[in-house]
Amino acid sequence: MAKKSKPLVWLEYAAARGLLGALGLLPRRAALAAANVAAMGGYHLLGGLRRVALANLEIAFPDMVPAERVRLAKGGFKNLGRILGEFSQFPKATPESLKEVIEFQVDPAVYSEYQRLKSEGRGIIIVSPHLGNWEMLVFGWATYDGPMSYLARPLDNPLLEKLTADLRRKFGNRPINKTNSVMTAARVLREEGLLGILADVNAHPKEGVFVPFFGIPACTSTGVALLAMRTNSAILPMCGAWDEEEQHYVAVHGKLIYAADTGERRSDILQTTAAFTAEVEKLIRRFPDQWLWIHKRYKTRPPGEPDLYRSKG
């Protein structure tokens, strides 16, 4: 990616800072409402992203009526607006206010296992899809259990990267540059016991394996499986989903997964990746209007298979 010019860097920063600042002046519910209006504007104006969302929904739910796919696509845009609105409120957040905004429904047995692993110098990898509010999930965990380190790809604008990173660190959370991060991630798991990773995006063939995702082979990063195998850590798929009735987030999780250990490395990676991806899919099916449908999850295809997005027009 070409390096951005200094004027463009400052222009993007000023626009983002102005938007977040304006939303931040509003009470939380008003900020969410305003961000929702902006998100719906995005749905109508950003035709390319809208078409990707509808194509993904057709792939994932081939028997669903078109009107329902449109509803879910709009829901995905609304979810992005909600994330923006909440992010603008982070400077005002307190541990007390966060407890009102996100509820953690963690199985006591799973939490006990996390504590046991941590005492043994092992850990749990929290694998979150881009579902619900992943920013709030990490932010809220700091008040539920303590600060969390998590892998993140830095933004290509250094000023915006500093702005977002400073907000994310407010309660001690630590974003880690995911590029060449294996050694750091392994150390975090051994020393801190917990590491967050977003692991539901399309991967390059050299960095992933094909596993079922909504019944279709999807190239998925091997990083989570390799890290779990290397550190003898468990994997826990989790998301912070919006509860419309309660008007707050609920952190829910899937099944606790341990890396396969048959002695066949390639097979173990494939089995482990397929296992946590299946749990991620269950979470998305539970909250289908809150996933990032605008991402080309099926862009990488197995050799000889056609481009799924071209076939969807």
Protein backbone atom coordinates (compact mmCIF):
# COMPACT_ATOMS: atom_id res chain seq x y z
CA MET A 1 0.00 0.00 0.00
CA ALA A 2 1.38 3.41 -1.00
CA LYS A 3 2.28 5.76 1.81
CA LYS A 4 -0.25 8.53 2.29
CA SER A 5 0.73 12.13 1.79
CA LYS A 6 1.01 14.31 4.88
CA PRO A 7 -1.96 16.52 3.87
CA LEU A 8 -4.15 13.44 3.40
CA VAL A 9 -3.05 12.04 6.77
CA TRP A 10 -4.01 15.29 8.50
CA LEU A 11 -7.26 15.62 6.55
CA GLU A 12 -8.39 12.11 7.55
CA TYR A 13 -7.35 12.75 11.13
CA ALA A 14 -9.22 16.06 11.32
CA ALA A 15 -12.38 14.49 9.87
CA ALA A 16 -12.28 11.53 12.27
CA ARG A 17 -11.39 13.67 15.28
CA GLY A 18 -14.20 16.08 14.42
CA LEU A 19 -16.77 13.29 14.02
CA LEU A 20 -15.77 11.52 17.23
CA GLY A 21 -15.63 14.82 19.07
CA ALA A 22 -19.09 15.85 17.88
CA LEU A 23 -20.60 12.48 18.81
CA GLY A 24 -18.72 12.51 22.09
CA LEU A 25 -20.46 15.73 23.14
CA LEU A 26 -23.80 13.95 22.94
CA PRO A 27 -25.31 11.71 25.62
CA ARG A 28 -24.65 8.06 24.83
CA ARG A 29 -28.11 7.22 23.45
CA ALA A 30 -28.14 10.35 21.30
CA ALA A 31 -24.67 9.48 19.96
CA LEU A 32 -25.86 5.99 19.05
CA ALA A 33 -28.94 7.41 17.31
CA ALA A 34 -26.84 9.91 15.31
CA ALA A 35 -24.32 7.22 14.33
CA ASN A 36 -27.21 5.00 13.22
CA VAL A 37 -28.42 7.71 10.84
CA ALA A 38 -24.91 7.96 9.40
CA ALA A 39 -24.71 4.17 9.03
CA MET A 40 -27.98 4.04 7.11
CA GLY A 41 -26.65 6.77 4.86
CA GLY A 42 -23.65 4.53 4.26
CA TYR A 43 -25.90 1.62 3.34
CA HIS A 44 -27.58 3.65 0.60
CA LEU A 45 -24.50 5.52 -0.63
CA LEU A 46 -21.83 2.80 -0.53
CA GLY A 47 -23.20 0.55 -3.23
CA GLY A 48 -20.09 -1.60 -3.52
CA LEU A 49 -20.12 -2.56 0.15
CA ARG A 50 -23.87 -3.10 0.07
CA ARG A 51 -23.51 -5.51 -2.85
CA VAL A 52 -20.76 -7.45 -1.05
CA ALA A 53 -22.98 -7.75 2.03
CA LEU A 54 -25.89 -9.07 -0.01
CA ALA A 55 -23.62 -11.46 -1.90
CA ASN A 56 -22.25 -12.86 1.37
CA LEU A 57 -25.77 -13.28 2.70
CA GLU A 58 -26.80 -15.13 -0.45
CA ILE A 59 -23.80 -17.46 -0.03
CA ALA A 60 -24.44 -18.04 3.67
CA PHE A 61 -28.25 -18.24 3.48
CA PRO A 62 -29.15 -19.45 -0.03
CA ASP A 63 -32.73 -20.29 0.96
CA MET A 64 -33.42 -16.96 2.66
CA VAL A 65 -35.87 -14.60 0.96
CA PRO A 66 -34.24 -11.45 -0.51
CA ALA A 67 -36.14 -9.11 1.82
CA GLU A 68 -34.68 -10.84 4.87
CA ARG A 69 -31.16 -10.58 3.41
CA VAL A 70 -31.69 -6.86 2.96
CA ARG A 71 -32.80 -6.59 6.58
CA LEU A 72 -29.66 -8.37 7.77
CA ALA A 73 -27.43 -6.28 5.52
CA LYS A 74 -28.94 -3.10 6.95
CA GLY A 75 -28.43 -4.54 10.41
CA GLY A 76 -24.74 -4.98 9.67
CA PHE A 77 -24.44 -1.33 8.71
CA LYS A 78 -26.38 -0.29 11.82
CA ASN A 79 -23.97 -2.34 13.91
CA LEU A 80 -21.00 -0.44 12.48
CA GLY A 81 -22.76 2.82 13.33
CA ARG A 82 -23.34 1.57 16.86
CA ILE A 83 -19.62 0.79 17.21
CA LEU A 84 -18.76 4.31 16.08
CA GLY A 85 -21.25 5.84 18.51
CA GLU A 86 -19.92 3.80 21.41
CA PHE A 87 -16.30 4.54 20.51
CA SER A 88 -17.04 8.26 20.73
CA GLN A 89 -18.14 7.70 24.34
CA PHE A 90 -14.96 5.89 25.45
CA PRO A 91 -13.26 9.07 26.80
CA LYS A 92 -16.17 9.45 29.26
CA ALA A 93 -16.33 5.80 30.27
CA THR A 94 -15.73 4.68 33.85
CA PRO A 95 -15.55 1.17 35.30
CA GLU A 96 -18.99 1.74 36.80
CA SER A 97 -20.56 2.95 33.56
CA LEU A 98 -19.11 0.03 31.59
CA LYS A 99 -20.76 -2.45 33.93
CA GLU A 100 -24.08 -0.95 32.86
CA VAL A 101 -23.19 -1.11 29.17
CA ILE A 102 -21.88 -4.68 28.83
CA GLU A 103 -22.85 -7.83 30.71
CA PHE A 104 -20.48 -10.82 30.69
CA GLN A 105 -22.22 -14.17 30.59
CA VAL A 106 -19.18 -16.38 31.11
CA ASP A 107 -19.76 -19.97 32.16
CA PRO A 108 -18.29 -20.34 35.68
CA ALA A 109 -16.67 -23.63 34.63
CA VAL A 110 -14.96 -21.91 31.71
CA TYR A 111 -13.76 -19.05 33.91
CA SER A 112 -12.43 -21.56 36.44
CA GLU A 113 -10.57 -23.35 33.65
CA TYR A 114 -9.11 -20.01 32.52
CA GLN A 115 -7.81 -19.40 36.05
CA ARG A 116 -6.33 -22.90 36.21
CA LEU A 117 -4.56 -22.54 32.88
CA LYS A 118 -3.25 -19.13 33.87
CA SER A 119 -1.78 -20.57 37.10
CA GLU A 120 0.01 -23.19 35.01
CA GLY A 121 1.57 -20.59 32.72
CA ARG A 122 -0.80 -21.45 29.89
CA GLY A 123 -3.73 -19.38 28.71
CA ILE A 124 -6.88 -18.85 26.70
CA ILE A 125 -7.06 -17.21 23.29
CA ILE A 126 -10.27 -15.20 22.99
CA VAL A 127 -11.24 -15.51 19.35
CA SER A 128 -13.78 -12.85 18.45
CA PRO A 129 -15.48 -12.49 15.10
CA HIS A 130 -16.29 -9.02 13.75
CA LEU A 131 -19.65 -9.50 15.40
CA GLY A 132 -21.46 -7.10 17.68
CA ASN A 133 -19.02 -4.64 19.25
CA TRP A 134 -15.54 -6.15 19.44
CA GLU A 135 -14.16 -2.84 20.73
CA MET A 136 -16.62 -2.89 23.64
CA LEU A 137 -15.84 -6.55 24.31
CA VAL A 138 -12.18 -5.77 24.96
CA PHE A 139 -12.94 -2.50 26.74
CA GLY A 140 -15.46 -4.15 29.04
CA TRP A 141 -13.20 -7.10 29.85
CA ALA A 142 -10.87 -4.71 31.67
CA THR A 143 -13.60 -4.08 34.25
CA TYR A 144 -14.78 -7.71 34.31
CA ASP A 145 -11.44 -9.45 34.80
CA GLY A 146 -8.55 -7.08 34.09
CA PRO A 147 -6.67 -5.58 31.13
CA MET A 148 -6.39 -7.66 27.98
CA SER A 149 -3.71 -7.72 25.31
CA TYR A 150 -4.95 -8.31 21.78
CA LEU A 151 -3.60 -8.46 18.26
CA ALA A 152 -4.58 -5.60 15.96
CA ARG A 153 -3.52 -4.46 12.53
CA PRO A 154 -2.34 -0.83 12.78
CA LEU A 155 -4.25 1.75 10.75
CA ASP A 156 -2.44 3.14 7.72
CA ASN A 157 -2.80 6.66 9.13
CA PRO A 158 -0.36 7.13 12.05
CA LEU A 159 -2.39 9.95 13.60
CA LEU A 160 -5.58 7.90 13.54
CA GLU A 161 -3.67 4.91 14.86
CA LYS A 162 -2.45 6.93 17.85
CA LEU A 163 -5.94 8.34 18.45
CA THR A 164 -7.60 4.92 18.51
CA ALA A 165 -4.78 3.19 20.39
CA ASP A 166 -4.84 5.82 23.14
CA LEU A 167 -8.58 5.29 23.63
CA ARG A 168 -8.21 1.51 23.63
CA ARG A 169 -5.52 1.67 26.33
CA LYS A 170 -7.67 3.68 28.74
CA PHE A 171 -8.18 0.84 31.22
CA GLY A 172 -4.86 -0.87 30.63
CA ASN A 173 -5.70 -2.91 27.52
CA ARG A 174 -2.79 -3.31 25.13
CA PRO A 175 -3.12 -3.55 21.33
CA ILE A 176 -0.24 -5.50 19.79
CA ASN A 177 0.83 -5.10 16.17
CA LYS A 178 -0.21 -8.41 14.66
CA THR A 179 2.61 -8.33 12.07
CA ASN A 180 5.41 -10.71 13.14
CA SER A 181 3.77 -11.01 16.55
CA VAL A 182 4.18 -14.74 17.29
CA MET A 183 6.86 -14.39 19.96
CA THR A 184 5.06 -11.51 21.67
CA ALA A 185 1.72 -13.29 21.56
CA ALA A 186 3.20 -16.47 23.04
CA ARG A 187 4.80 -14.50 25.85
CA VAL A 188 1.51 -12.73 26.61
CA LEU A 189 -0.30 -16.06 26.93
CA ARG A 190 2.33 -17.46 29.27
CA GLU A 191 2.66 -14.34 31.42
CA GLU A 192 -0.85 -12.84 31.35
CA GLY A 193 -3.02 -15.84 30.50
CA LEU A 194 -5.24 -14.13 27.95
CA LEU A 195 -4.92 -12.86 24.39
CA GLY A 196 -7.61 -11.50 22.07
CA ILE A 197 -7.62 -12.15 18.32
CA LEU A 198 -10.11 -11.24 15.58
CA ALA A 199 -10.04 -14.35 13.43
CA ASP A 200 -12.90 -14.39 10.95
CA VAL A 201 -11.47 -12.65 7.88
CA ASN A 202 -10.28 -13.98 4.54
CA ALA A 203 -6.69 -15.23 4.55
CA HIS A 204 -4.04 -15.55 1.86
CA PRO A 205 -3.48 -19.17 0.76
CA LYS A 206 0.06 -19.11 2.21
CA GLU A 207 -1.30 -18.06 5.62
CA GLY A 208 -4.46 -20.11 5.87
CA VAL A 209 -6.31 -23.36 5.37
CA PHE A 210 -9.73 -23.97 3.88
CA VAL A 211 -12.36 -24.93 6.46
CA PRO A 212 -16.16 -24.94 6.27
CA PHE A 213 -17.86 -21.62 7.00
CA PHE A 214 -21.62 -21.60 6.36
CA GLY A 215 -21.04 -24.77 4.35
CA ILE A 216 -18.53 -23.16 1.96
CA PRO A 217 -14.71 -23.61 2.10
CA ALA A 218 -13.25 -20.36 3.47
CA CYS A 219 -9.53 -19.64 3.72
CA THR A 220 -8.89 -19.03 7.42
CA SER A 221 -5.67 -17.98 9.13
CA THR A 222 -3.68 -20.74 10.79
CA GLY A 223 -2.31 -18.28 13.35
CA VAL A 224 -4.75 -19.12 16.14
CA ALA A 225 -4.22 -22.86 15.82
CA LEU A 226 -0.44 -22.54 15.65
CA LEU A 227 -0.36 -20.26 18.67
CA ALA A 228 -2.62 -22.58 20.68
CA MET A 229 -0.43 -25.56 19.76
CA ARG A 230 2.79 -23.72 20.57
CA THR A 231 1.65 -22.48 24.00
CA ASN A 232 -0.71 -25.34 24.90
CA SER A 233 -3.48 -22.76 25.26
CA ALA A 234 -7.22 -23.18 24.90
CA ILE A 235 -9.38 -21.24 22.43
CA LEU A 236 -12.64 -19.53 23.42
CA PRO A 237 -14.82 -17.97 20.70
CA MET A 238 -16.62 -14.94 22.17
CA CYS A 239 -18.50 -11.84 21.07
CA GLY A 240 -20.11 -8.78 22.58
CA ALA A 241 -23.56 -8.73 20.96
CA TRP A 242 -26.12 -5.95 21.20
CA ASP A 243 -29.31 -6.80 23.09
CA GLU A 244 -31.99 -4.54 21.66
CA GLU A 245 -34.48 -5.29 24.41
CA GLU A 246 -32.04 -4.59 27.26
CA GLN A 247 -30.28 -1.78 25.37
CA HIS A 248 -26.84 -3.04 26.30
CA TYR A 249 -24.24 -5.57 25.17
CA VAL A 250 -24.05 -9.17 26.26
CA ALA A 251 -20.73 -11.00 26.05
CA VAL A 252 -21.42 -14.63 25.17
CA HIS A 253 -19.11 -17.43 24.17
CA GLY A 254 -19.01 -20.76 22.43
CA LYS A 255 -17.39 -24.04 23.38
CA LEU A 256 -13.90 -24.05 24.92
CA ILE A 257 -11.57 -25.69 22.41
CA TYR A 258 -8.19 -27.33 22.86
CA ALA A 259 -5.82 -27.74 19.94
CA ALA A 260 -5.82 -31.14 18.26
CA ASP A 261 -2.77 -33.22 19.18
CA THR A 262 -2.48 -36.25 16.92
CA GLY A 263 1.16 -35.72 16.00
CA GLU A 264 0.24 -34.85 12.43
CA ARG A 265 0.93 -31.11 12.37
CA ARG A 266 -0.99 -30.24 9.20
CA SER A 267 -4.00 -32.26 10.30
CA ASP A 268 -3.92 -30.73 13.80
CA ILE A 269 -3.88 -27.21 12.35
CA LEU A 270 -6.80 -28.03 10.06
CA GLN A 271 -8.88 -29.68 12.80
CA THR A 272 -8.26 -26.89 15.30
CA THR A 273 -9.04 -24.14 12.79
CA ALA A 274 -12.20 -25.91 11.68
CA ALA A 275 -13.31 -26.37 15.30
CA PHE A 276 -13.11 -22.73 16.34
CA THR A 277 -14.49 -21.55 12.99
CA ALA A 278 -17.56 -23.72 13.54
CA GLU A 279 -18.08 -22.06 16.93
CA VAL A 280 -17.65 -18.61 15.37
CA GLU A 281 -20.29 -19.53 12.79
CA LYS A 282 -22.70 -20.49 15.58
CA LEU A 283 -22.27 -17.05 17.15
CA ILE A 284 -22.90 -15.34 13.81
CA ARG A 285 -26.01 -17.44 13.21
CA ARG A 286 -27.23 -16.36 16.64
CA PHE A 287 -26.78 -12.66 15.81
CA PRO A 288 -26.82 -12.54 11.99
CA ASP A 289 -27.67 -8.84 11.80
CA GLN A 290 -24.50 -7.88 13.67
CA TRP A 291 -21.71 -9.43 11.58
CA LEU A 292 -19.39 -7.63 9.15
CA TRP A 293 -21.08 -8.86 5.97
CA ILE A 294 -19.31 -6.16 3.90
CA HIS A 295 -16.02 -8.11 4.08
CA LYS A 296 -15.22 -10.49 1.19
CA ARG A 297 -14.84 -13.52 3.42
CA TYR A 298 -14.75 -15.93 0.47
CA LYS A 299 -12.36 -13.94 -1.73
CA THR A 300 -9.64 -16.63 -1.66
CA ARG A 301 -10.85 -19.77 -3.41
CA PRO A 302 -9.49 -23.31 -3.60
CA PRO A 303 -7.55 -23.94 -6.83
CA GLY A 304 -9.89 -24.14 -9.78
CA GLU A 305 -12.92 -22.67 -8.06
CA PRO A 306 -14.55 -19.53 -9.52
CA ASP A 307 -14.78 -16.09 -7.91
CA LEU A 308 -17.96 -16.30 -5.83
CA TYR A 309 -18.51 -12.55 -5.86
CA ARG A 310 -18.36 -12.26 -9.63
CA SER A 311 -20.94 -15.02 -9.92
CA LYS A 312 -23.22 -13.02 -7.61
CA GLY A 313 -23.07 -10.01 -9.90
